[in-house]
Amino acid sequence: MLNTCALTGNLGADPEVFYNAEGHAVANFNLAFRAGRKKTGWIRVTCFNKTASTVEQYLRKGDRIAVSGSLDHNQWEANDGSKRSSIQMIANTVEFIKVKGFTEGQGDEETPF
């Protein structure tokens, strides 16, 4: 079964980055994307290692990026007993489309990291 997804959108906030017990970077951020004519969809994106370190260094709220990876579905029971679920993307690649802070020309190229 194939599980791949690619989205283009804007970061809703600065990425949240932490380092696990082994010292590997993990980055999480929310990506806003067009979902229909007048709707905005949101998805949580997680990336690891070098990609996460690069995301931490260069990306900020509002930056436009393209991500590709796989979808992951999580289910749990909340404290009040209700069932909850979420879908997130595990990113394999993140590409700059338009990133603040780069000189003219740098942000125009789609550079995978």
PDB file of N, CA and C in Angstrom:
ATOM      1  N   MET A   1       0.841  -1.177   0.000  1.00  0.00           N
ATOM      2  CA  MET A   1       0.000   0.000   0.000  1.00  0.00           C
ATOM      3  C   MET A   1       0.888   1.243   0.000  1.00  0.00           C
ATOM      4  N   LEU A   2       0.593   2.166  -0.862  1.00  0.00           N
ATOM      5  CA  LEU A   2       1.395   3.375  -1.020  1.00  0.00           C
ATOM      6  C   LEU A   2       0.859   4.480  -0.112  1.00  0.00           C
ATOM      7  N   ASN A   3       1.722   5.139   0.609  1.00  0.00           N
ATOM      8  CA  ASN A   3       1.325   6.229   1.499  1.00  0.00           C
ATOM      9  C   ASN A   3       2.273   7.395   1.258  1.00  0.00           C
ATOM     10  N   THR A   4       1.955   8.237   0.302  1.00  0.00           N
ATOM     11  CA  THR A   4       2.769   9.420   0.038  1.00  0.00           C
ATOM     12  C   THR A   4       1.861  10.624  -0.081  1.00  0.00           C
ATOM     13  N   CYS A   5       2.400  11.754   0.302  1.00  0.00           N
ATOM     14  CA  CYS A   5       1.653  13.006   0.272  1.00  0.00           C
ATOM     15  C   CYS A   5       2.630  14.133  -0.026  1.00  0.00           C
ATOM     16  N   ALA A   6       2.188  15.121  -0.792  1.00  0.00           N
ATOM     17  CA  ALA A   6       2.988  16.319  -1.052  1.00  0.00           C
ATOM     18  C   ALA A   6       2.078  17.523  -0.916  1.00  0.00           C
ATOM     19  N   LEU A   7       2.526  18.522  -0.163  1.00  0.00           N
ATOM     20  CA  LEU A   7       1.747  19.736   0.059  1.00  0.00           C
ATOM     21  C   LEU A   7       2.644  20.956  -0.065  1.00  0.00           C
ATOM     22  N   THR A   8       2.050  22.038  -0.502  1.00  0.00           N
ATOM     23  CA  THR A   8       2.701  23.338  -0.517  1.00  0.00           C
ATOM     24  C   THR A   8       1.869  24.252   0.359  1.00  0.00           C
ATOM     25  N   GLY A   9       2.533  25.033   1.219  1.00  0.00           N
ATOM     26  CA  GLY A   9       1.788  25.927   2.085  1.00  0.00           C
ATOM     27  C   GLY A   9       2.718  26.837   2.870  1.00  0.00           C
ATOM     28  N   ASN A  10       2.133  27.477   3.883  1.00  0.00           N
ATOM     29  CA  ASN A  10       2.859  28.426   4.717  1.00  0.00           C
ATOM     30  C   ASN A  10       2.889  27.954   6.162  1.00  0.00           C
ATOM     31  N   LEU A  11       4.022  28.203   6.828  1.00  0.00           N
ATOM     32  CA  LEU A  11       4.133  27.857   8.235  1.00  0.00           C
ATOM     33  C   LEU A  11       3.218  28.752   9.064  1.00  0.00           C
ATOM     34  N   GLY A  12       2.464  28.126   9.976  1.00  0.00           N
ATOM     35  CA  GLY A  12       1.556  28.874  10.838  1.00  0.00           C
ATOM     36  C   GLY A  12       2.251  29.489  12.035  1.00  0.00           C
ATOM     37  N   ALA A  13       3.419  29.009  12.376  1.00  0.00           N
ATOM     38  CA  ALA A  13       4.204  29.505  13.504  1.00  0.00           C
ATOM     39  C   ALA A  13       5.636  29.028  13.298  1.00  0.00           C
ATOM     40  N   ASP A  14       6.556  29.573  14.085  1.00  0.00           N
ATOM     41  CA  ASP A  14       7.932  29.089  14.031  1.00  0.00           C
ATOM     42  C   ASP A  14       7.963  27.602  14.380  1.00  0.00           C
ATOM     43  N   PRO A  15       8.852  26.829  13.760  1.00  0.00           N
ATOM     44  CA  PRO A  15       8.955  25.408  14.085  1.00  0.00           C
ATOM     45  C   PRO A  15       9.361  25.199  15.545  1.00  0.00           C
ATOM     46  N   GLU A  16       8.844  24.123  16.142  1.00  0.00           N
ATOM     47  CA  GLU A  16       9.240  23.709  17.484  1.00  0.00           C
ATOM     48  C   GLU A  16      10.244  22.578  17.317  1.00  0.00           C
ATOM     49  N   VAL A  17      11.420  22.738  17.890  1.00  0.00           N
ATOM     50  CA  VAL A  17      12.473  21.739  17.706  1.00  0.00           C
ATOM     51  C   VAL A  17      12.969  21.271  19.065  1.00  0.00           C
ATOM     52  N   PHE A  18      13.163  19.968  19.192  1.00  0.00           N
ATOM     53  CA  PHE A  18      13.777  19.420  20.391  1.00  0.00           C
ATOM     54  C   PHE A  18      14.742  18.325  19.962  1.00  0.00           C
ATOM     55  N   TYR A  19      15.577  17.918  20.880  1.00  0.00           N
ATOM     56  CA  TYR A  19      16.562  16.875  20.616  1.00  0.00           C
ATOM     57  C   TYR A  19      16.240  15.689  21.511  1.00  0.00           C
ATOM     58  N   ASN A  20      16.128  14.499  20.927  1.00  0.00           N
ATOM     59  CA  ASN A  20      15.782  13.316  21.704  1.00  0.00           C
ATOM     60  C   ASN A  20      16.988  12.843  22.519  1.00  0.00           C
ATOM     61  N   ALA A  21      16.812  11.756  23.261  1.00  0.00           N
ATOM     62  CA  ALA A  21      17.860  11.254  24.157  1.00  0.00           C
ATOM     63  C   ALA A  21      19.145  10.893  23.420  1.00  0.00           C
ATOM     64  N   GLU A  22      19.022  10.523  22.151  1.00  0.00           N
ATOM     65  CA  GLU A  22      20.207  10.172  21.351  1.00  0.00           C
ATOM     66  C   GLU A  22      20.848  11.399  20.705  1.00  0.00           C
ATOM     67  N   GLY A  23      20.272  12.586  20.924  1.00  0.00           N
ATOM     68  CA  GLY A  23      20.819  13.815  20.370  1.00  0.00           C
ATOM     69  C   GLY A  23      20.338  14.144  18.963  1.00  0.00           C
ATOM     70  N   HIS A  24      19.327  13.425  18.466  1.00  0.00           N
ATOM     71  CA  HIS A  24      18.797  13.664  17.126  1.00  0.00           C
ATOM     72  C   HIS A  24      17.722  14.747  17.175  1.00  0.00           C
ATOM     73  N   ALA A  25      17.764  15.657  16.194  1.00  0.00           N
ATOM     74  CA  ALA A  25      16.797  16.745  16.123  1.00  0.00           C
ATOM     75  C   ALA A  25      15.446  16.231  15.628  1.00  0.00           C
ATOM     76  N   VAL A  26      14.376  16.779  16.225  1.00  0.00           N
ATOM     77  CA  VAL A  26      13.001  16.510  15.804  1.00  0.00           C
ATOM     78  C   VAL A  26      12.312  17.865  15.698  1.00  0.00           C
ATOM     79  N   ALA A  27      11.757  18.182  14.530  1.00  0.00           N
ATOM     80  CA  ALA A  27      11.067  19.462  14.323  1.00  0.00           C
ATOM     81  C   ALA A  27       9.592  19.203  14.056  1.00  0.00           C
ATOM     82  N   ASN A  28       8.742  20.014  14.663  1.00  0.00           N
ATOM     83  CA  ASN A  28       7.302  19.981  14.438  1.00  0.00           C
ATOM     84  C   ASN A  28       6.844  21.373  14.033  1.00  0.00           C
ATOM     85  N   PHE A  29       5.940  21.427  13.059  1.00  0.00           N
ATOM     86  CA  PHE A  29       5.331  22.705  12.686  1.00  0.00           C
ATOM     87  C   PHE A  29       3.990  22.456  12.028  1.00  0.00           C
ATOM     88  N   ASN A  30       3.147  23.482  12.032  1.00  0.00           N
ATOM     89  CA  ASN A  30       1.851  23.413  11.382  1.00  0.00           C
ATOM     90  C   ASN A  30       1.948  24.091  10.025  1.00  0.00           C
ATOM     91  N   LEU A  31       1.393  23.433   9.009  1.00  0.00           N
ATOM     92  CA  LEU A  31       1.421  23.941   7.649  1.00  0.00           C
ATOM     93  C   LEU A  31       0.000  24.255   7.214  1.00  0.00           C
ATOM     94  N   ALA A  32      -0.219  25.495   6.778  1.00  0.00           N
ATOM     95  CA  ALA A  32      -1.508  25.908   6.229  1.00  0.00           C
ATOM     96  C   ALA A  32      -1.465  25.700   4.721  1.00  0.00           C
ATOM     97  N   PHE A  33      -2.521  25.087   4.177  1.00  0.00           N
ATOM     98  CA  PHE A  33      -2.577  24.840   2.742  1.00  0.00           C
ATOM     99  C   PHE A  33      -3.996  25.106   2.245  1.00  0.00           C
ATOM    100  N   ARG A  34      -4.124  25.319   0.951  1.00  0.00           N
ATOM    101  CA  ARG A  34      -5.428  25.572   0.360  1.00  0.00           C
ATOM    102  C   ARG A  34      -6.198  24.259   0.290  1.00  0.00           C
ATOM    103  N   ALA A  35      -7.394  24.260   0.864  1.00  0.00           N
ATOM    104  CA  ALA A  35      -8.256  23.081   0.876  1.00  0.00           C
ATOM    105  C   ALA A  35      -9.591  23.459   0.257  1.00  0.00           C
ATOM    106  N   GLY A  36      -9.637  23.480  -1.048  1.00  0.00           N
ATOM    107  CA  GLY A  36     -10.845  23.945  -1.733  1.00  0.00           C
ATOM    108  C   GLY A  36     -10.692  25.408  -2.111  1.00  0.00           C
ATOM    109  N   ARG A  37     -11.741  25.966  -2.644  1.00  0.00           N
ATOM    110  CA  ARG A  37     -11.663  27.345  -3.155  1.00  0.00           C
ATOM    111  C   ARG A  37     -11.418  28.386  -2.076  1.00  0.00           C
ATOM    112  N   LYS A  38     -12.154  28.302  -0.989  1.00  0.00           N
ATOM    113  CA  LYS A  38     -12.055  29.354   0.023  1.00  0.00           C
ATOM    114  C   LYS A  38     -11.719  28.821   1.406  1.00  0.00           C
ATOM    115  N   LYS A  39     -11.210  27.614   1.459  1.00  0.00           N
ATOM    116  CA  LYS A  39     -10.900  27.006   2.753  1.00  0.00           C
ATOM    117  C   LYS A  39      -9.402  26.862   2.935  1.00  0.00           C
ATOM    118  N   THR A  40      -8.995  26.940   4.191  1.00  0.00           N
ATOM    119  CA  THR A  40      -7.607  26.687   4.559  1.00  0.00           C
ATOM    120  C   THR A  40      -7.575  25.434   5.403  1.00  0.00           C
ATOM    121  N   GLY A  41      -6.723  24.500   5.015  1.00  0.00           N
ATOM    122  CA  GLY A  41      -6.513  23.294   5.807  1.00  0.00           C
ATOM    123  C   GLY A  41      -5.217  23.424   6.593  1.00  0.00           C
ATOM    124  N   TRP A  42      -5.128  22.679   7.676  1.00  0.00           N
ATOM    125  CA  TRP A  42      -3.924  22.679   8.510  1.00  0.00           C
ATOM    126  C   TRP A  42      -3.488  21.247   8.741  1.00  0.00           C
ATOM    127  N   ILE A  43      -2.190  21.022   8.716  1.00  0.00           N
ATOM    128  CA  ILE A  43      -1.658  19.703   9.049  1.00  0.00           C
ATOM    129  C   ILE A  43      -0.370  19.881   9.851  1.00  0.00           C
ATOM    130  N   ARG A  44      -0.209  19.015  10.815  1.00  0.00           N
ATOM    131  CA  ARG A  44       1.005  18.987  11.632  1.00  0.00           C
ATOM    132  C   ARG A  44       2.062  18.211  10.859  1.00  0.00           C
ATOM    133  N   VAL A  45       3.270  18.763  10.780  1.00  0.00           N
ATOM    134  CA  VAL A  45       4.370  18.129  10.057  1.00  0.00           C
ATOM    135  C   VAL A  45       5.503  17.862  11.041  1.00  0.00           C
ATOM    136  N   THR A  46       6.087  16.675  10.952  1.00  0.00           N
ATOM    137  CA  THR A  46       7.235  16.304  11.769  1.00  0.00           C
ATOM    138  C   THR A  46       8.372  15.878  10.847  1.00  0.00           C
ATOM    139  N   CYS A  47       9.578  16.338  11.147  1.00  0.00           N
ATOM    140  CA  CYS A  47      10.755  15.882  10.397  1.00  0.00           C
ATOM    141  C   CYS A  47      11.892  15.635  11.385  1.00  0.00           C
ATOM    142  N   PHE A  48      12.896  14.913  10.918  1.00  0.00           N
ATOM    143  CA  PHE A  48      13.941  14.420  11.802  1.00  0.00           C
ATOM    144  C   PHE A  48      15.342  14.754  11.286  1.00  0.00           C
ATOM    145  N   ASN A  49      16.302  14.665  12.201  1.00  0.00           N
ATOM    146  CA  ASN A  49      17.733  14.712  11.914  1.00  0.00           C
ATOM    147  C   ASN A  49      18.151  15.974  11.150  1.00  0.00           C
ATOM    148  N   LYS A  50      18.874  15.816  10.038  1.00  0.00           N
ATOM    149  CA  LYS A  50      19.399  16.972   9.310  1.00  0.00           C
ATOM    150  C   LYS A  50      18.282  17.881   8.809  1.00  0.00           C
ATOM    151  N   THR A  51      17.192  17.286   8.330  1.00  0.00           N
ATOM    152  CA  THR A  51      16.062  18.098   7.867  1.00  0.00           C
ATOM    153  C   THR A  51      15.519  18.943   9.017  1.00  0.00           C
ATOM    154  N   ALA A  52      15.377  18.352  10.187  1.00  0.00           N
ATOM    155  CA  ALA A  52      14.875  19.084  11.358  1.00  0.00           C
ATOM    156  C   ALA A  52      15.826  20.202  11.753  1.00  0.00           C
ATOM    157  N   SER A  53      17.130  19.965  11.721  1.00  0.00           N
ATOM    158  CA  SER A  53      18.116  20.996  12.064  1.00  0.00           C
ATOM    159  C   SER A  53      18.057  22.166  11.076  1.00  0.00           C
ATOM    160  N   THR A  54      17.877  21.854   9.797  1.00  0.00           N
ATOM    161  CA  THR A  54      17.797  22.902   8.776  1.00  0.00           C
ATOM    162  C   THR A  54      16.509  23.701   8.937  1.00  0.00           C
ATOM    163  N   VAL A  55      15.416  23.014   9.220  1.00  0.00           N
ATOM    164  CA  VAL A  55      14.139  23.689   9.479  1.00  0.00           C
ATOM    165  C   VAL A  55      14.301  24.654  10.648  1.00  0.00           C
ATOM    166  N   GLU A  56      14.943  24.199  11.705  1.00  0.00           N
ATOM    167  CA  GLU A  56      15.164  25.040  12.886  1.00  0.00           C
ATOM    168  C   GLU A  56      15.975  26.286  12.525  1.00  0.00           C
ATOM    169  N   GLN A  57      16.971  26.125  11.703  1.00  0.00           N
ATOM    170  CA  GLN A  57      17.879  27.225  11.372  1.00  0.00           C
ATOM    171  C   GLN A  57      17.247  28.255  10.440  1.00  0.00           C
ATOM    172  N   TYR A  58      16.469  27.818   9.454  1.00  0.00           N
ATOM    173  CA  TYR A  58      16.058  28.725   8.384  1.00  0.00           C
ATOM    174  C   TYR A  58      14.583  29.103   8.323  1.00  0.00           C
ATOM    175  N   LEU A  59      13.681  28.293   8.842  1.00  0.00           N
ATOM    176  CA  LEU A  59      12.262  28.554   8.615  1.00  0.00           C
ATOM    177  C   LEU A  59      11.606  29.283   9.774  1.00  0.00           C
ATOM    178  N   ARG A  60      10.694  30.188   9.415  1.00  0.00           N
ATOM    179  CA  ARG A  60       9.947  30.981  10.391  1.00  0.00           C
ATOM    180  C   ARG A  60       8.486  31.092   9.955  1.00  0.00           C
ATOM    181  N   LYS A  61       7.653  31.532  10.865  1.00  0.00           N
ATOM    182  CA  LYS A  61       6.230  31.735  10.600  1.00  0.00           C
ATOM    183  C   LYS A  61       6.035  32.489   9.288  1.00  0.00           C
ATOM    184  N   GLY A  62       5.117  31.998   8.452  1.00  0.00           N
ATOM    185  CA  GLY A  62       4.775  32.649   7.196  1.00  0.00           C
ATOM    186  C   GLY A  62       5.571  32.182   6.001  1.00  0.00           C
ATOM    187  N   ASP A  63       6.709  31.517   6.220  1.00  0.00           N
ATOM    188  CA  ASP A  63       7.519  31.049   5.090  1.00  0.00           C
ATOM    189  C   ASP A  63       6.725  30.039   4.266  1.00  0.00           C
ATOM    190  N   ARG A  64       6.913  30.114   2.949  1.00  0.00           N
ATOM    191  CA  ARG A  64       6.237  29.205   2.022  1.00  0.00           C
ATOM    192  C   ARG A  64       7.182  28.060   1.666  1.00  0.00           C
ATOM    193  N   ILE A  65       6.702  26.833   1.859  1.00  0.00           N
ATOM    194  CA  ILE A  65       7.523  25.651   1.622  1.00  0.00           C
ATOM    195  C   ILE A  65       6.700  24.569   0.925  1.00  0.00           C
ATOM    196  N   ALA A  66       7.393  23.566   0.428  1.00  0.00           N
ATOM    197  CA  ALA A  66       6.768  22.348  -0.081  1.00  0.00           C
ATOM    198  C   ALA A  66       7.321  21.189   0.738  1.00  0.00           C
ATOM    199  N   VAL A  67       6.444  20.289   1.151  1.00  0.00           N
ATOM    200  CA  VAL A  67       6.866  19.121   1.914  1.00  0.00           C
ATOM    201  C   VAL A  67       6.328  17.864   1.239  1.00  0.00           C
ATOM    202  N   SER A  68       7.089  16.799   1.329  1.00  0.00           N
ATOM    203  CA  SER A  68       6.590  15.506   0.862  1.00  0.00           C
ATOM    204  C   SER A  68       6.982  14.454   1.881  1.00  0.00           C
ATOM    205  N   GLY A  69       6.134  13.473   2.016  1.00  0.00           N
ATOM    206  CA  GLY A  69       6.378  12.415   2.977  1.00  0.00           C
ATOM    207  C   GLY A  69       5.194  11.484   3.063  1.00  0.00           C
ATOM    208  N   SER A  70       4.963  10.931   4.241  1.00  0.00           N
ATOM    209  CA  SER A  70       3.862   9.992   4.444  1.00  0.00           C
ATOM    210  C   SER A  70       2.944  10.514   5.544  1.00  0.00           C
ATOM    211  N   LEU A  71       1.715  10.032   5.527  1.00  0.00           N
ATOM    212  CA  LEU A  71       0.742  10.415   6.543  1.00  0.00           C
ATOM    213  C   LEU A  71       0.723   9.380   7.657  1.00  0.00           C
ATOM    214  N   ASP A  72       0.515   9.870   8.882  1.00  0.00           N
ATOM    215  CA  ASP A  72       0.455   9.018  10.056  1.00  0.00           C
ATOM    216  C   ASP A  72      -0.824   9.352  10.813  1.00  0.00           C
ATOM    217  N   HIS A  73      -1.603   8.342  11.176  1.00  0.00           N
ATOM    218  CA  HIS A  73      -2.863   8.542  11.889  1.00  0.00           C
ATOM    219  C   HIS A  73      -2.696   8.104  13.338  1.00  0.00           C
ATOM    220  N   ASN A  74      -3.021   8.996  14.270  1.00  0.00           N
ATOM    221  CA  ASN A  74      -2.905   8.705  15.700  1.00  0.00           C
ATOM    222  C   ASN A  74      -4.291   8.719  16.335  1.00  0.00           C
ATOM    223  N   GLN A  75      -4.548   7.785  17.255  1.00  0.00           N
ATOM    224  CA  GLN A  75      -5.795   7.746  18.013  1.00  0.00           C
ATOM    225  C   GLN A  75      -5.471   7.601  19.492  1.00  0.00           C
ATOM    226  N   TRP A  76      -6.285   8.259  20.335  1.00  0.00           N
ATOM    227  CA  TRP A  76      -6.101   8.152  21.770  1.00  0.00           C
ATOM    228  C   TRP A  76      -7.401   8.500  22.472  1.00  0.00           C
ATOM    229  N   GLU A  77      -7.435   8.211  23.762  1.00  0.00           N
ATOM    230  CA  GLU A  77      -8.591   8.556  24.576  1.00  0.00           C
ATOM    231  C   GLU A  77      -8.203   9.721  25.483  1.00  0.00           C
ATOM    232  N   ALA A  78      -8.983  10.792  25.439  1.00  0.00           N
ATOM    233  CA  ALA A  78      -8.720  11.978  26.253  1.00  0.00           C
ATOM    234  C   ALA A  78      -9.083  11.703  27.712  1.00  0.00           C
ATOM    235  N   ASN A  79      -8.657  12.611  28.591  1.00  0.00           N
ATOM    236  CA  ASN A  79      -8.929  12.462  30.028  1.00  0.00           C
ATOM    237  C   ASN A  79     -10.422  12.359  30.335  1.00  0.00           C
ATOM    238  N   ASP A  80     -11.259  13.012  29.507  1.00  0.00           N
ATOM    239  CA  ASP A  80     -12.703  12.976  29.738  1.00  0.00           C
ATOM    240  C   ASP A  80     -13.358  11.729  29.142  1.00  0.00           C
ATOM    241  N   GLY A  81     -12.558  10.814  28.585  1.00  0.00           N
ATOM    242  CA  GLY A  81     -13.079   9.574  28.036  1.00  0.00           C
ATOM    243  C   GLY A  81     -13.444   9.632  26.562  1.00  0.00           C
ATOM    244  N   SER A  82     -13.403  10.819  25.976  1.00  0.00           N
ATOM    245  CA  SER A  82     -13.746  10.932  24.553  1.00  0.00           C
ATOM    246  C   SER A  82     -12.602  10.412  23.687  1.00  0.00           C
ATOM    247  N   LYS A  83     -12.969   9.877  22.534  1.00  0.00           N
ATOM    248  CA  LYS A  83     -11.963   9.373  21.607  1.00  0.00           C
ATOM    249  C   LYS A  83     -11.493  10.512  20.720  1.00  0.00           C
ATOM    250  N   ARG A  84     -10.193  10.604  20.509  1.00  0.00           N
ATOM    251  CA  ARG A  84      -9.582  11.657  19.698  1.00  0.00           C
ATOM    252  C   ARG A  84      -8.723  11.025  18.622  1.00  0.00           C
ATOM    253  N   SER A  85      -8.507  11.764  17.554  1.00  0.00           N
ATOM    254  CA  SER A  85      -7.604  11.300  16.505  1.00  0.00           C
ATOM    255  C   SER A  85      -7.005  12.500  15.788  1.00  0.00           C
ATOM    256  N   SER A  86      -5.875  12.277  15.164  1.00  0.00           N
ATOM    257  CA  SER A  86      -5.233  13.320  14.371  1.00  0.00           C
ATOM    258  C   SER A  86      -4.438  12.663  13.252  1.00  0.00           C
ATOM    259  N   ILE A  87      -4.230  13.427  12.206  1.00  0.00           N
ATOM    260  CA  ILE A  87      -3.385  12.996  11.102  1.00  0.00           C
ATOM    261  C   ILE A  87      -2.223  13.967  11.023  1.00  0.00           C
ATOM    262  N   GLN A  88      -1.033  13.444  10.879  1.00  0.00           N
ATOM    263  CA  GLN A  88       0.150  14.286  10.718  1.00  0.00           C
ATOM    264  C   GLN A  88       0.963  13.774   9.550  1.00  0.00           C
ATOM    265  N   MET A  89       1.822  14.631   9.028  1.00  0.00           N
ATOM    266  CA  MET A  89       2.722  14.237   7.951  1.00  0.00           C
ATOM    267  C   MET A  89       4.106  14.034   8.530  1.00  0.00           C
ATOM    268  N   ILE A  90       4.731  12.931   8.157  1.00  0.00           N
ATOM    269  CA  ILE A  90       6.131  12.690   8.478  1.00  0.00           C
ATOM    270  C   ILE A  90       6.894  13.079   7.210  1.00  0.00           C
ATOM    271  N   ALA A  91       7.607  14.200   7.260  1.00  0.00           N
ATOM    272  CA  ALA A  91       8.239  14.751   6.060  1.00  0.00           C
ATOM    273  C   ALA A  91       9.561  14.055   5.752  1.00  0.00           C
ATOM    274  N   ASN A  92       9.708  13.660   4.502  1.00  0.00           N
ATOM    275  CA  ASN A  92      10.985  13.145   4.008  1.00  0.00           C
ATOM    276  C   ASN A  92      11.813  14.279   3.417  1.00  0.00           C
ATOM    277  N   THR A  93      11.139  15.224   2.756  1.00  0.00           N
ATOM    278  CA  THR A  93      11.830  16.378   2.188  1.00  0.00           C
ATOM    279  C   THR A  93      11.046  17.642   2.475  1.00  0.00           C
ATOM    280  N   VAL A  94      11.775  18.728   2.637  1.00  0.00           N
ATOM    281  CA  VAL A  94      11.215  20.067   2.800  1.00  0.00           C
ATOM    282  C   VAL A  94      11.964  20.958   1.824  1.00  0.00           C
ATOM    283  N   GLU A  95      11.225  21.718   1.019  1.00  0.00           N
ATOM    284  CA  GLU A  95      11.856  22.597   0.029  1.00  0.00           C
ATOM    285  C   GLU A  95      11.454  24.040   0.275  1.00  0.00           C
ATOM    286  N   PHE A  96      12.434  24.930   0.169  1.00  0.00           N
ATOM    287  CA  PHE A  96      12.157  26.364   0.246  1.00  0.00           C
ATOM    288  C   PHE A  96      11.381  26.774  -1.002  1.00  0.00           C
ATOM    289  N   ILE A  97      10.376  27.599  -0.842  1.00  0.00           N
ATOM    290  CA  ILE A  97       9.751  28.280  -1.978  1.00  0.00           C
ATOM    291  C   ILE A  97       9.981  29.772  -1.813  1.00  0.00           C
ATOM    292  N   LYS A  98       9.561  30.306  -0.664  1.00  0.00           N
ATOM    293  CA  LYS A  98       9.832  31.709  -0.365  1.00  0.00           C
ATOM    294  C   LYS A  98      10.068  31.816   1.133  1.00  0.00           C
ATOM    295  N   VAL A  99      11.314  32.116   1.479  1.00  0.00           N
ATOM    296  CA  VAL A  99      11.721  32.158   2.877  1.00  0.00           C
ATOM    297  C   VAL A  99      12.265  33.535   3.185  1.00  0.00           C
ATOM    298  N   LYS A 100      11.735  34.158   4.241  1.00  0.00           N
ATOM    299  CA  LYS A 100      12.193  35.490   4.653  1.00  0.00           C
ATOM    300  C   LYS A 100      13.658  35.451   5.055  1.00  0.00           C
ATOM    301  N   GLY A 101      14.361  36.540   4.827  1.00  0.00           N
ATOM    302  CA  GLY A 101      15.735  36.635   5.292  1.00  0.00           C
ATOM    303  C   GLY A 101      16.766  36.231   4.266  1.00  0.00           C
ATOM    304  N   PHE A 102      16.340  35.727   3.132  1.00  0.00           N
ATOM    305  CA  PHE A 102      17.291  35.392   2.077  1.00  0.00           C
ATOM    306  C   PHE A 102      17.379  36.556   1.109  1.00  0.00           C
ATOM    307  N   THR A 103      18.548  36.750   0.537  1.00  0.00           N
ATOM    308  CA  THR A 103      18.707  37.801  -0.451  1.00  0.00           C
ATOM    309  C   THR A 103      17.998  37.390  -1.726  1.00  0.00           C
ATOM    310  N   GLU A 104      17.742  38.340  -2.600  1.00  0.00           N
ATOM    311  CA  GLU A 104      17.016  38.076  -3.833  1.00  0.00           C
ATOM    312  C   GLU A 104      17.671  36.939  -4.603  1.00  0.00           C
ATOM    313  N   GLY A 105      16.872  36.008  -5.056  1.00  0.00           N
ATOM    314  CA  GLY A 105      17.374  34.872  -5.805  1.00  0.00           C
ATOM    315  C   GLY A 105      17.538  33.628  -4.968  1.00  0.00           C
ATOM    316  N   GLN A 106      17.949  33.758  -3.715  1.00  0.00           N
ATOM    317  CA  GLN A 106      18.139  32.571  -2.875  1.00  0.00           C
ATOM    318  C   GLN A 106      16.818  31.871  -2.591  1.00  0.00           C
ATOM    319  N   GLY A 107      15.776  32.634  -2.254  1.00  0.00           N
ATOM    320  CA  GLY A 107      14.507  32.029  -1.895  1.00  0.00           C
ATOM    321  C   GLY A 107      13.695  31.599  -3.101  1.00  0.00           C
ATOM    322  N   ASP A 108      14.099  31.992  -4.310  1.00  0.00           N
ATOM    323  CA  ASP A 108      13.355  31.628  -5.503  1.00  0.00           C
ATOM    324  C   ASP A 108      13.632  30.208  -5.947  1.00  0.00           C
ATOM    325  N   GLU A 109      14.751  29.665  -5.562  1.00  0.00           N
ATOM    326  CA  GLU A 109      15.108  28.317  -5.970  1.00  0.00           C
ATOM    327  C   GLU A 109      14.538  27.321  -4.964  1.00  0.00           C
ATOM    328  N   GLU A 110      14.010  26.230  -5.484  1.00  0.00           N
ATOM    329  CA  GLU A 110      13.501  25.189  -4.613  1.00  0.00           C
ATOM    330  C   GLU A 110      14.669  24.295  -4.227  1.00  0.00           C
ATOM    331  N   THR A 111      15.159  24.469  -3.004  1.00  0.00           N
ATOM    332  CA  THR A 111      16.322  23.740  -2.551  1.00  0.00           C
ATOM    333  C   THR A 111      15.905  22.701  -1.535  1.00  0.00           C
ATOM    334  N   PRO A 112      15.990  21.414  -1.860  1.00  0.00           N
ATOM    335  CA  PRO A 112      15.612  20.396  -0.873  1.00  0.00           C
ATOM    336  C   PRO A 112      16.664  20.296   0.218  1.00  0.00           C
ATOM    337  N   PHE A 113      16.216  20.008   1.419  1.00  0.00           N
ATOM    338  CA  PHE A 113      17.148  19.744   2.521  1.00  0.00           C
ATOM    339  C   PHE A 113      16.589  18.655   3.400  1.00  0.00           C
TER     340      PHE A 113
END
